[in-house]
Amino acid sequence: MSKDKNRAPHQDTSFDDLDKGMEVADDIQQAADQTTEEEQEEMIENQETEIDKLTKDLADATAALEKEKKEYLFLMAEFDNFRKRTVKEKAEIIRNASEKVLEGMLPIVDDFERGLEANRNTDDSETLKQGMELIYTKLIKYLEKNGVKAIESTGEEFNPDLHEAIAMVPAADDSQKGKVVDTPTKGYTLNDKVLRHAKVVVAQ
């Protein structure tokens, strides 16, 4: 009887310790579950933050691309307008230059007409000759004023950049070999660029 009485308190103590241990385990499991939930929530928040950042970056990149596209289209339109304007201005310059050159020729034409009229009313060949020489001199000066100059030919060394040989003749002596001895048709340059090659006869 005494043995049973002594055993009962010991058994109650063991059950109490077991209950306390289970409570501690539950607390530990609950704490672990809470930590896991907090970590998941934090992970979700981090993911949402990253998505928001990427979305903003994409929106910024799209806006920048759209801006650059508009600027590119604007520059293309400006360049096309510039090209058209340049072509138009070039055409106007050429047309105006031609008009100016032709306008400058008209006084010379007037002189020719006066000379022809005077020729009908006079038999003085000397007067006619002087008139023609004056008109010719005026024309040459006008051409030189506009950059047109005659190419030196006769007596010069043959230069294929300036001369066009239309005939070859025997040289009178060695000093004439390779030189131009006659110029049937004069050549001209326009601002130092060959406008027409001189047609020449070359000694060989």
N, C-alpha and C. Protein backbone atom coordinates (compact mmCIF):
# COMPACT_ATOMS: atom_id res chain seq x y z
N MET A 1 0.83 -1.21 0.00
CA MET A 1 0.00 0.00 0.00
C MET A 1 0.84 1.23 0.00
N SER A 2 1.85 1.19 0.82
CA SER A 2 2.75 2.33 0.88
C SER A 2 3.53 2.53 -0.40
N LYS A 3 3.77 1.42 -1.09
CA LYS A 3 4.50 1.51 -2.35
C LYS A 3 3.69 2.25 -3.41
N ASP A 4 2.38 1.99 -3.49
CA ASP A 4 1.51 2.64 -4.47
C ASP A 4 1.43 4.11 -4.18
N LYS A 5 1.39 4.45 -2.89
CA LYS A 5 1.31 5.87 -2.54
C LYS A 5 2.58 6.59 -2.95
N ASN A 6 3.69 5.93 -2.79
CA ASN A 6 4.95 6.57 -3.14
C ASN A 6 5.10 6.73 -4.65
N ARG A 7 4.50 5.83 -5.48
CA ARG A 7 4.66 5.85 -6.93
C ARG A 7 3.78 6.92 -7.59
N ALA A 8 2.67 7.20 -7.08
CA ALA A 8 1.70 8.11 -7.72
C ALA A 8 2.25 9.51 -7.92
N PRO A 9 2.86 10.12 -6.93
CA PRO A 9 3.39 11.47 -7.14
C PRO A 9 4.45 11.51 -8.23
N HIS A 10 5.25 10.46 -8.30
CA HIS A 10 6.29 10.41 -9.33
C HIS A 10 5.69 10.37 -10.73
N GLN A 11 4.63 9.62 -10.91
CA GLN A 11 3.97 9.54 -12.22
C GLN A 11 3.34 10.88 -12.59
N ASP A 12 2.75 11.59 -11.63
CA ASP A 12 2.15 12.91 -11.93
C ASP A 12 3.20 13.90 -12.39
N THR A 13 4.36 13.85 -11.78
CA THR A 13 5.44 14.76 -12.16
C THR A 13 5.89 14.51 -13.59
N SER A 14 5.97 13.26 -14.00
CA SER A 14 6.38 12.92 -15.37
C SER A 14 5.39 13.45 -16.37
N PHE A 15 4.13 13.31 -16.10
CA PHE A 15 3.09 13.82 -17.02
C PHE A 15 3.16 15.34 -17.14
N ASP A 16 3.46 15.97 -15.99
CA ASP A 16 3.57 17.44 -16.03
C ASP A 16 4.74 17.87 -16.91
N ASP A 17 5.87 17.18 -16.77
CA ASP A 17 7.04 17.51 -17.60
C ASP A 17 6.76 17.27 -19.07
N LEU A 18 6.01 16.19 -19.33
CA LEU A 18 5.68 15.89 -20.73
C LEU A 18 4.80 16.96 -21.34
N ASP A 19 3.84 17.42 -20.56
CA ASP A 19 2.94 18.48 -21.05
C ASP A 19 3.72 19.76 -21.31
N LYS A 20 4.64 20.06 -20.37
CA LYS A 20 5.44 21.27 -20.56
C LYS A 20 6.32 21.15 -21.80
N GLY A 21 6.87 19.97 -22.01
CA GLY A 21 7.72 19.77 -23.20
C GLY A 21 6.93 19.92 -24.48
N MET A 22 5.72 19.40 -24.48
CA MET A 22 4.87 19.53 -25.67
C MET A 22 4.50 20.98 -25.92
N GLU A 23 4.26 21.72 -24.82
CA GLU A 23 3.94 23.14 -24.97
C GLU A 23 5.13 23.90 -25.57
N VAL A 24 6.33 23.56 -25.06
CA VAL A 24 7.54 24.21 -25.59
C VAL A 24 7.72 23.88 -27.08
N ALA A 25 7.47 22.61 -27.43
CA ALA A 25 7.60 22.20 -28.84
C ALA A 25 6.60 22.93 -29.71
N ASP A 26 5.37 23.08 -29.17
CA ASP A 26 4.35 23.82 -29.93
C ASP A 26 4.77 25.26 -30.14
N ASP A 27 5.34 25.85 -29.03
CA ASP A 27 5.80 27.25 -29.16
C ASP A 27 6.90 27.38 -30.21
N ILE A 28 7.83 26.39 -30.18
CA ILE A 28 8.93 26.41 -31.16
C ILE A 28 8.38 26.25 -32.58
N GLN A 29 7.43 25.33 -32.75
CA GLN A 29 6.85 25.11 -34.09
C GLN A 29 6.09 26.34 -34.55
N GLN A 30 5.37 26.95 -33.63
CA GLN A 30 4.60 28.16 -33.96
C GLN A 30 5.54 29.29 -34.35
N ALA A 31 6.62 29.41 -33.57
CA ALA A 31 7.62 30.45 -33.88
C ALA A 31 8.24 30.21 -35.24
N ALA A 32 8.52 28.92 -35.53
CA ALA A 32 9.09 28.57 -36.83
C ALA A 32 8.12 28.89 -37.95
N ASP A 33 6.82 28.53 -37.69
CA ASP A 33 5.81 28.84 -38.72
C ASP A 33 5.69 30.34 -38.93
N GLN A 34 5.71 31.13 -37.85
CA GLN A 34 5.61 32.58 -37.96
C GLN A 34 6.81 33.15 -38.72
N THR A 35 8.01 32.62 -38.41
CA THR A 35 9.22 33.10 -39.10
C THR A 35 9.13 32.81 -40.60
N THR A 36 8.63 31.62 -40.91
CA THR A 36 8.48 31.26 -42.32
C THR A 36 7.50 32.19 -43.02
N GLU A 37 6.38 32.48 -42.37
CA GLU A 37 5.38 33.38 -42.96
C GLU A 37 5.95 34.78 -43.15
N GLU A 38 6.73 35.25 -42.16
CA GLU A 38 7.35 36.57 -42.28
C GLU A 38 8.34 36.63 -43.44
N GLU A 39 9.10 35.54 -43.54
CA GLU A 39 10.07 35.48 -44.64
C GLU A 39 9.35 35.47 -45.98
N GLN A 40 8.25 34.71 -46.06
CA GLN A 40 7.48 34.66 -47.32
C GLN A 40 6.90 36.02 -47.66
N GLU A 41 6.35 36.68 -46.62
CA GLU A 41 5.80 38.02 -46.85
C GLU A 41 6.88 38.99 -47.32
N GLU A 42 8.04 38.88 -46.67
CA GLU A 42 9.16 39.75 -47.08
C GLU A 42 9.61 39.44 -48.50
N MET A 43 9.64 38.15 -48.85
CA MET A 43 10.02 37.75 -50.20
C MET A 43 9.02 38.29 -51.22
N ILE A 44 7.73 38.17 -50.87
CA ILE A 44 6.69 38.68 -51.78
C ILE A 44 6.82 40.19 -51.94
N GLU A 45 7.07 40.88 -50.82
CA GLU A 45 7.24 42.34 -50.89
C GLU A 45 8.45 42.71 -51.76
N ASN A 46 9.54 41.96 -51.60
CA ASN A 46 10.73 42.22 -52.41
C ASN A 46 10.46 41.99 -53.90
N GLN A 47 9.72 40.91 -54.18
CA GLN A 47 9.37 40.62 -55.58
C GLN A 47 8.49 41.72 -56.16
N GLU A 48 7.52 42.16 -55.37
CA GLU A 48 6.63 43.23 -55.84
C GLU A 48 7.43 44.51 -56.09
N THR A 49 8.37 44.79 -55.19
CA THR A 49 9.22 45.98 -55.37
C THR A 49 10.05 45.87 -56.64
N GLU A 50 10.63 44.68 -56.89
CA GLU A 50 11.43 44.46 -58.08
C GLU A 50 10.58 44.59 -59.34
N ILE A 51 9.36 44.04 -59.29
CA ILE A 51 8.44 44.15 -60.45
C ILE A 51 8.09 45.61 -60.71
N ASP A 52 7.82 46.35 -59.62
CA ASP A 52 7.51 47.79 -59.77
C ASP A 52 8.69 48.53 -60.40
N LYS A 53 9.90 48.19 -59.96
CA LYS A 53 11.10 48.85 -60.51
C LYS A 53 11.28 48.52 -61.99
N LEU A 54 11.11 47.24 -62.34
CA LEU A 54 11.24 46.84 -63.74
C LEU A 54 10.17 47.48 -64.60
N THR A 55 8.95 47.57 -64.05
CA THR A 55 7.86 48.21 -64.79
C THR A 55 8.16 49.67 -65.05
N LYS A 56 8.71 50.35 -64.03
CA LYS A 56 9.07 51.76 -64.18
C LYS A 56 10.20 51.92 -65.19
N ASP A 57 11.21 51.02 -65.10
CA ASP A 57 12.33 51.08 -66.06
C ASP A 57 11.84 50.87 -67.48
N LEU A 58 10.91 49.93 -67.67
CA LEU A 58 10.35 49.69 -68.99
C LEU A 58 9.59 50.89 -69.51
N ALA A 59 8.81 51.52 -68.62
CA ALA A 59 8.05 52.71 -69.02
C ALA A 59 9.00 53.84 -69.40
N ASP A 60 10.09 54.01 -68.61
CA ASP A 60 11.07 55.07 -68.91
C ASP A 60 11.75 54.80 -70.24
N ALA A 61 12.14 53.53 -70.49
CA ALA A 61 12.81 53.18 -71.75
C ALA A 61 11.88 53.39 -72.94
N THR A 62 10.60 53.03 -72.77
CA THR A 62 9.63 53.21 -73.84
C THR A 62 9.44 54.70 -74.15
N ALA A 63 9.37 55.51 -73.10
CA ALA A 63 9.21 56.96 -73.29
C ALA A 63 10.43 57.55 -73.99
N ALA A 64 11.63 57.10 -73.58
CA ALA A 64 12.86 57.61 -74.21
C ALA A 64 12.93 57.20 -75.68
N LEU A 65 12.52 55.96 -75.96
CA LEU A 65 12.53 55.49 -77.34
C LEU A 65 11.54 56.28 -78.19
N GLU A 66 10.38 56.55 -77.63
CA GLU A 66 9.38 57.33 -78.36
C GLU A 66 9.86 58.75 -78.62
N LYS A 67 10.57 59.32 -77.63
CA LYS A 67 11.13 60.66 -77.80
C LYS A 67 12.18 60.68 -78.91
N GLU A 68 13.08 59.68 -78.88
CA GLU A 68 14.13 59.61 -79.91
C GLU A 68 13.52 59.38 -81.28
N LYS A 69 12.45 58.59 -81.35
CA LYS A 69 11.78 58.35 -82.63
C LYS A 69 11.21 59.64 -83.19
N LYS A 70 10.58 60.43 -82.33
CA LYS A 70 10.02 61.71 -82.77
C LYS A 70 11.12 62.65 -83.23
N GLU A 71 12.25 62.68 -82.47
CA GLU A 71 13.37 63.54 -82.86
C GLU A 71 13.96 63.09 -84.20
N TYR A 72 14.06 61.78 -84.39
CA TYR A 72 14.59 61.25 -85.65
C TYR A 72 13.70 61.64 -86.82
N LEU A 73 12.38 61.48 -86.65
CA LEU A 73 11.44 61.85 -87.71
C LEU A 73 11.50 63.35 -88.00
N PHE A 74 11.69 64.14 -86.93
CA PHE A 74 11.79 65.60 -87.10
C PHE A 74 13.05 65.96 -87.89
N LEU A 75 14.18 65.30 -87.53
CA LEU A 75 15.43 65.57 -88.24
C LEU A 75 15.34 65.13 -89.70
N MET A 76 14.69 64.00 -89.96
CA MET A 76 14.53 63.54 -91.33
C MET A 76 13.71 64.53 -92.15
N ALA A 77 12.65 65.06 -91.54
CA ALA A 77 11.82 66.04 -92.22
C ALA A 77 12.61 67.32 -92.49
N GLU A 78 13.40 67.74 -91.50
CA GLU A 78 14.23 68.94 -91.67
C GLU A 78 15.26 68.75 -92.77
N PHE A 79 15.89 67.56 -92.80
CA PHE A 79 16.88 67.28 -93.83
C PHE A 79 16.25 67.26 -95.22
N ASP A 80 15.05 66.68 -95.32
CA ASP A 80 14.36 66.64 -96.61
C ASP A 80 14.02 68.05 -97.07
N ASN A 81 13.57 68.89 -96.14
CA ASN A 81 13.28 70.29 -96.49
C ASN A 81 14.54 71.03 -96.90
N PHE A 82 15.65 70.76 -96.19
CA PHE A 82 16.93 71.38 -96.53
C PHE A 82 17.37 70.96 -97.92
N ARG A 83 17.24 69.65 -98.22
CA ARG A 83 17.64 69.14 -99.54
C ARG A 83 16.83 69.80 -100.64
N LYS A 84 15.51 69.87 -100.46
CA LYS A 84 14.66 70.50 -101.47
C LYS A 84 14.99 71.97 -101.63
N ARG A 85 15.24 72.64 -100.50
CA ARG A 85 15.56 74.06 -100.56
C ARG A 85 16.89 74.29 -101.27
N THR A 86 17.87 73.41 -100.99
CA THR A 86 19.19 73.54 -101.62
C THR A 86 19.10 73.32 -103.13
N VAL A 87 18.32 72.30 -103.55
CA VAL A 87 18.14 72.04 -104.98
C VAL A 87 17.47 73.23 -105.66
N LYS A 88 16.47 73.80 -105.00
CA LYS A 88 15.75 74.94 -105.56
C LYS A 88 16.67 76.16 -105.67
N GLU A 89 17.46 76.40 -104.59
CA GLU A 89 18.37 77.55 -104.60
C GLU A 89 19.45 77.38 -105.67
N LYS A 90 19.96 76.14 -105.83
CA LYS A 90 20.97 75.88 -106.84
C LYS A 90 20.41 76.13 -108.24
N ALA A 91 19.17 75.67 -108.47
CA ALA A 91 18.53 75.89 -109.77
C ALA A 91 18.34 77.38 -110.02
N GLU A 92 17.97 78.13 -108.98
CA GLU A 92 17.77 79.57 -109.13
C GLU A 92 19.09 80.28 -109.41
N ILE A 93 20.17 79.81 -108.73
CA ILE A 93 21.49 80.42 -108.97
C ILE A 93 21.93 80.21 -110.41
N ILE A 94 21.74 78.96 -110.90
CA ILE A 94 22.13 78.67 -112.29
C ILE A 94 21.30 79.49 -113.26
N ARG A 95 19.99 79.55 -112.99
CA ARG A 95 19.12 80.31 -113.88
C ARG A 95 19.47 81.79 -113.87
N ASN A 96 19.67 82.33 -112.65
CA ASN A 96 20.01 83.75 -112.54
C ASN A 96 21.36 84.06 -113.16
N ALA A 97 22.32 83.12 -112.98
CA ALA A 97 23.64 83.33 -113.58
C ALA A 97 23.54 83.35 -115.10
N SER A 98 22.76 82.42 -115.64
CA SER A 98 22.57 82.39 -117.10
C SER A 98 21.90 83.66 -117.59
N GLU A 99 20.91 84.12 -116.84
CA GLU A 99 20.21 85.35 -117.23
C GLU A 99 21.18 86.53 -117.22
N LYS A 100 22.06 86.55 -116.20
CA LYS A 100 23.00 87.67 -116.09
C LYS A 100 24.00 87.66 -117.25
N VAL A 101 24.50 86.45 -117.57
CA VAL A 101 25.45 86.34 -118.68
C VAL A 101 24.81 86.77 -119.99
N LEU A 102 23.60 86.29 -120.23
CA LEU A 102 22.90 86.64 -121.48
C LEU A 102 22.57 88.12 -121.52
N GLU A 103 22.20 88.65 -120.37
CA GLU A 103 21.89 90.09 -120.33
C GLU A 103 23.13 90.92 -120.68
N GLY A 104 24.31 90.45 -120.21
CA GLY A 104 25.54 91.17 -120.53
C GLY A 104 25.93 91.07 -121.99
N MET A 105 25.41 90.05 -122.69
CA MET A 105 25.70 89.89 -124.12
C MET A 105 24.88 90.84 -124.99
N LEU A 106 23.79 91.31 -124.48
CA LEU A 106 22.88 92.12 -125.30
C LEU A 106 23.52 93.42 -125.82
N PRO A 107 24.30 94.16 -125.01
CA PRO A 107 24.95 95.35 -125.56
C PRO A 107 25.89 95.03 -126.73
N ILE A 108 26.53 93.87 -126.68
CA ILE A 108 27.42 93.47 -127.77
C ILE A 108 26.60 93.16 -129.03
N VAL A 109 25.45 92.52 -128.82
CA VAL A 109 24.55 92.27 -129.96
C VAL A 109 24.09 93.59 -130.56
N ASP A 110 23.82 94.56 -129.67
CA ASP A 110 23.43 95.89 -130.17
C ASP A 110 24.53 96.49 -131.03
N ASP A 111 25.79 96.33 -130.58
CA ASP A 111 26.91 96.86 -131.37
C ASP A 111 27.00 96.18 -132.73
N PHE A 112 26.78 94.85 -132.76
CA PHE A 112 26.79 94.13 -134.04
C PHE A 112 25.71 94.67 -134.97
N GLU A 113 24.55 94.89 -134.43
CA GLU A 113 23.43 95.38 -135.26
C GLU A 113 23.74 96.77 -135.82
N ARG A 114 24.34 97.63 -134.99
CA ARG A 114 24.72 98.96 -135.46
C ARG A 114 25.80 98.86 -136.53
N GLY A 115 26.74 97.94 -136.32
CA GLY A 115 27.80 97.76 -137.32
C GLY A 115 27.24 97.27 -138.65
N LEU A 116 26.30 96.34 -138.61
CA LEU A 116 25.68 95.84 -139.84
C LEU A 116 24.90 96.94 -140.53
N GLU A 117 24.21 97.76 -139.76
CA GLU A 117 23.44 98.87 -140.35
C GLU A 117 24.39 99.89 -141.00
N ALA A 118 25.52 100.15 -140.30
CA ALA A 118 26.49 101.11 -140.85
C ALA A 118 27.12 100.55 -142.12
N ASN A 119 27.31 99.23 -142.18
CA ASN A 119 27.90 98.61 -143.36
C ASN A 119 27.01 98.77 -144.58
N ARG A 120 25.69 98.83 -144.35
CA ARG A 120 24.77 99.00 -145.48
C ARG A 120 24.83 100.43 -146.04
N ASN A 121 25.28 101.38 -145.22
CA ASN A 121 25.25 102.77 -145.62
C ASN A 121 26.64 103.35 -145.91
N THR A 122 27.67 102.50 -145.97
CA THR A 122 29.01 103.01 -146.24
C THR A 122 29.81 101.99 -147.05
N ASP A 123 30.73 102.54 -147.80
CA ASP A 123 31.63 101.68 -148.56
C ASP A 123 33.04 101.74 -147.99
N ASP A 124 33.19 102.39 -146.83
CA ASP A 124 34.50 102.57 -146.21
C ASP A 124 34.87 101.29 -145.45
N SER A 125 35.72 100.48 -146.04
CA SER A 125 36.11 99.20 -145.43
C SER A 125 36.93 99.40 -144.16
N GLU A 126 37.68 100.48 -144.10
CA GLU A 126 38.49 100.75 -142.92
C GLU A 126 37.62 101.02 -141.70
N THR A 127 36.56 101.81 -141.93
CA THR A 127 35.63 102.11 -140.84
C THR A 127 34.94 100.83 -140.36
N LEU A 128 34.55 100.00 -141.32
CA LEU A 128 33.92 98.73 -140.97
C LEU A 128 34.89 97.85 -140.18
N LYS A 129 36.14 97.81 -140.60
CA LYS A 129 37.15 97.01 -139.92
C LYS A 129 37.35 97.48 -138.48
N GLN A 130 37.44 98.78 -138.29
CA GLN A 130 37.62 99.33 -136.95
C GLN A 130 36.42 99.01 -136.05
N GLY A 131 35.22 99.10 -136.64
CA GLY A 131 34.01 98.78 -135.87
C GLY A 131 34.00 97.32 -135.41
N MET A 132 34.40 96.42 -136.33
CA MET A 132 34.44 95.00 -135.99
C MET A 132 35.48 94.73 -134.90
N GLU A 133 36.62 95.41 -134.99
CA GLU A 133 37.66 95.21 -133.99
C GLU A 133 37.21 95.71 -132.61
N LEU A 134 36.49 96.82 -132.60
CA LEU A 134 35.98 97.34 -131.33
C LEU A 134 34.97 96.37 -130.70
N ILE A 135 34.10 95.83 -131.54
CA ILE A 135 33.11 94.88 -131.03
C ILE A 135 33.80 93.61 -130.52
N TYR A 136 34.79 93.13 -131.26
CA TYR A 136 35.52 91.93 -130.86
C TYR A 136 36.25 92.16 -129.53
N THR A 137 36.90 93.30 -129.39
CA THR A 137 37.61 93.64 -128.15
C THR A 137 36.64 93.70 -126.98
N LYS A 138 35.48 94.30 -127.22
CA LYS A 138 34.46 94.40 -126.16
C LYS A 138 33.98 93.01 -125.74
N LEU A 139 33.81 92.12 -126.72
CA LEU A 139 33.34 90.76 -126.42
C LEU A 139 34.40 90.00 -125.62
N ILE A 140 35.67 90.10 -126.02
CA ILE A 140 36.74 89.40 -125.32
C ILE A 140 36.85 89.90 -123.87
N LYS A 141 36.74 91.19 -123.67
CA LYS A 141 36.81 91.74 -122.31
C LYS A 141 35.63 91.25 -121.47
N TYR A 142 34.47 91.15 -122.10
CA TYR A 142 33.29 90.67 -121.37
C TYR A 142 33.49 89.21 -120.96
N LEU A 143 34.05 88.39 -121.87
CA LEU A 143 34.30 86.99 -121.55
C LEU A 143 35.32 86.86 -120.42
N GLU A 144 36.39 87.65 -120.48
CA GLU A 144 37.41 87.60 -119.44
C GLU A 144 36.83 88.03 -118.09
N LYS A 145 35.93 89.00 -118.12
CA LYS A 145 35.27 89.45 -116.89
C LYS A 145 34.47 88.32 -116.25
N ASN A 146 33.97 87.43 -117.08
CA ASN A 146 33.19 86.30 -116.58
C ASN A 146 34.01 85.02 -116.46
N GLY A 147 35.33 85.15 -116.45
CA GLY A 147 36.22 84.02 -116.19
C GLY A 147 36.61 83.21 -117.41
N VAL A 148 36.25 83.67 -118.62
CA VAL A 148 36.58 82.93 -119.85
C VAL A 148 37.84 83.54 -120.46
N LYS A 149 38.88 82.69 -120.64
CA LYS A 149 40.13 83.17 -121.21
C LYS A 149 40.59 82.23 -122.32
N ALA A 150 41.27 82.82 -123.30
CA ALA A 150 41.79 82.02 -124.42
C ALA A 150 43.02 81.23 -123.97
N ILE A 151 43.16 80.02 -124.50
CA ILE A 151 44.31 79.16 -124.18
C ILE A 151 45.47 79.51 -125.12
N GLU A 152 46.63 79.74 -124.54
CA GLU A 152 47.81 80.00 -125.36
C GLU A 152 48.18 78.71 -126.10
N SER A 153 48.37 78.81 -127.42
CA SER A 153 48.61 77.59 -128.21
C SER A 153 49.82 77.70 -129.12
N THR A 154 49.71 78.52 -130.16
CA THR A 154 50.76 78.60 -131.17
C THR A 154 52.11 79.00 -130.55
N GLY A 155 53.12 78.16 -130.84
CA GLY A 155 54.45 78.41 -130.30
C GLY A 155 54.68 77.73 -128.95
N GLU A 156 53.63 77.17 -128.35
CA GLU A 156 53.75 76.50 -127.05
C GLU A 156 53.99 75.01 -127.24
N GLU A 157 54.53 74.37 -126.20
CA GLU A 157 54.67 72.92 -126.20
C GLU A 157 53.27 72.29 -126.22
N PHE A 158 53.13 71.21 -126.99
CA PHE A 158 51.84 70.53 -127.04
C PHE A 158 51.48 69.99 -125.66
N ASN A 159 50.28 70.32 -125.20
CA ASN A 159 49.80 69.88 -123.88
C ASN A 159 48.44 69.21 -124.08
N PRO A 160 48.37 67.89 -123.93
CA PRO A 160 47.11 67.19 -124.16
C PRO A 160 45.99 67.62 -123.21
N ASP A 161 46.35 68.26 -122.09
CA ASP A 161 45.32 68.74 -121.17
C ASP A 161 44.64 70.00 -121.70
N LEU A 162 45.33 70.70 -122.62
CA LEU A 162 44.80 71.95 -123.16
C LEU A 162 44.54 71.89 -124.66
N HIS A 163 45.32 71.05 -125.35
CA HIS A 163 45.27 71.05 -126.82
C HIS A 163 44.71 69.73 -127.36
N GLU A 164 44.13 69.84 -128.54
CA GLU A 164 43.67 68.66 -129.27
C GLU A 164 44.34 68.68 -130.65
N ALA A 165 45.23 67.73 -130.87
CA ALA A 165 45.97 67.72 -132.14
C ALA A 165 45.07 67.20 -133.26
N ILE A 166 44.90 68.04 -134.27
CA ILE A 166 44.07 67.62 -135.42
C ILE A 166 44.95 67.30 -136.64
N ALA A 167 46.24 67.63 -136.55
CA ALA A 167 47.16 67.34 -137.66
C ALA A 167 48.59 67.36 -137.15
N MET A 168 49.45 66.60 -137.84
CA MET A 168 50.88 66.57 -137.53
C MET A 168 51.63 66.97 -138.79
N VAL A 169 52.62 67.83 -138.65
CA VAL A 169 53.41 68.28 -139.81
C VAL A 169 54.90 68.12 -139.48
N PRO A 170 55.72 67.96 -140.50
CA PRO A 170 57.17 67.86 -140.24
C PRO A 170 57.70 69.16 -139.64
N ALA A 171 58.59 69.04 -138.68
CA ALA A 171 59.17 70.22 -138.04
C ALA A 171 60.24 70.82 -138.94
N ALA A 172 60.28 72.14 -139.02
CA ALA A 172 61.29 72.83 -139.81
C ALA A 172 62.68 72.60 -139.22
N ASP A 173 62.76 72.49 -137.90
CA ASP A 173 64.03 72.17 -137.24
C ASP A 173 63.70 71.48 -135.92
N ASP A 174 64.73 71.01 -135.25
CA ASP A 174 64.54 70.24 -134.01
C ASP A 174 63.89 71.07 -132.91
N SER A 175 64.08 72.37 -132.94
CA SER A 175 63.52 73.21 -131.88
C SER A 175 62.00 73.27 -131.93
N GLN A 176 61.41 72.95 -133.09
CA GLN A 176 59.96 73.01 -133.23
C GLN A 176 59.27 71.68 -132.91
N LYS A 177 60.03 70.63 -132.78
CA LYS A 177 59.42 69.32 -132.54
C LYS A 177 58.62 69.31 -131.23
N GLY A 178 57.40 68.84 -131.35
CA GLY A 178 56.53 68.76 -130.17
C GLY A 178 55.83 70.06 -129.84
N LYS A 179 56.01 71.06 -130.71
CA LYS A 179 55.36 72.35 -130.45
C LYS A 179 54.18 72.58 -131.39
N VAL A 180 53.27 73.45 -130.96
CA VAL A 180 52.11 73.81 -131.76
C VAL A 180 52.54 74.87 -132.77
N VAL A 181 52.30 74.59 -134.07
CA VAL A 181 52.71 75.53 -135.11
C VAL A 181 51.51 76.29 -135.68
N ASP A 182 50.31 75.84 -135.40
CA ASP A 182 49.11 76.54 -135.90
C ASP A 182 47.92 76.18 -135.00
N THR A 183 46.98 77.12 -134.90
CA THR A 183 45.77 76.91 -134.09
C THR A 183 44.54 77.27 -134.92
N PRO A 184 43.99 76.30 -135.65
CA PRO A 184 42.79 76.58 -136.46
C PRO A 184 41.58 77.01 -135.61
N THR A 185 41.47 76.45 -134.40
CA THR A 185 40.35 76.82 -133.52
C THR A 185 40.88 77.05 -132.11
N LYS A 186 40.64 78.25 -131.60
CA LYS A 186 41.10 78.58 -130.27
C LYS A 186 40.39 77.76 -129.19
N GLY A 187 41.12 77.53 -128.10
CA GLY A 187 40.52 76.89 -126.93
C GLY A 187 40.32 77.93 -125.84
N TYR A 188 39.43 77.61 -124.90
CA TYR A 188 39.13 78.56 -123.82
C TYR A 188 39.00 77.81 -122.50
N THR A 189 39.33 78.54 -121.43
CA THR A 189 39.12 78.02 -120.08
C THR A 189 38.08 78.88 -119.37
N LEU A 190 37.37 78.26 -118.45
CA LEU A 190 36.41 78.98 -117.61
C LEU A 190 36.85 78.79 -116.16
N ASN A 191 37.34 79.88 -115.58
CA ASN A 191 37.87 79.83 -114.21
C ASN A 191 38.92 78.73 -114.07
N ASP A 192 39.86 78.70 -115.02
CA ASP A 192 40.99 77.77 -115.06
C ASP A 192 40.57 76.33 -115.38
N LYS A 193 39.33 76.09 -115.71
CA LYS A 193 38.88 74.77 -116.15
C LYS A 193 38.65 74.83 -117.66
N VAL A 194 39.12 73.78 -118.36
CA VAL A 194 39.01 73.79 -119.82
C VAL A 194 37.54 73.80 -120.24
N LEU A 195 37.18 74.86 -120.96
CA LEU A 195 35.83 74.97 -121.50
C LEU A 195 35.78 74.34 -122.89
N ARG A 196 36.85 74.55 -123.65
CA ARG A 196 36.99 73.92 -124.96
C ARG A 196 38.47 73.79 -125.27
N HIS A 197 38.89 72.57 -125.68
CA HIS A 197 40.29 72.36 -126.04
C HIS A 197 40.61 73.10 -127.33
N ALA A 198 41.83 73.60 -127.41
CA ALA A 198 42.28 74.25 -128.65
C ALA A 198 42.61 73.18 -129.67
N LYS A 199 42.10 73.36 -130.89
CA LYS A 199 42.41 72.43 -131.99
C LYS A 199 43.69 72.94 -132.66
N VAL A 200 44.73 72.11 -132.65
CA VAL A 200 46.04 72.60 -133.05
C VAL A 200 46.73 71.65 -134.03
N VAL A 201 47.74 72.22 -134.70
CA VAL A 201 48.63 71.46 -135.59
C VAL A 201 49.98 71.37 -134.89
N VAL A 202 50.52 70.16 -134.80
CA VAL A 202 51.75 69.94 -134.03
C VAL A 202 52.87 69.49 -134.97
N ALA A 203 54.05 70.07 -134.74
CA ALA A 203 55.24 69.69 -135.52
C ALA A 203 55.87 68.44 -134.92
N GLN A 204 56.36 67.56 -135.80
CA GLN A 204 57.03 66.34 -135.32
C GLN A 204 58.31 66.08 -136.12
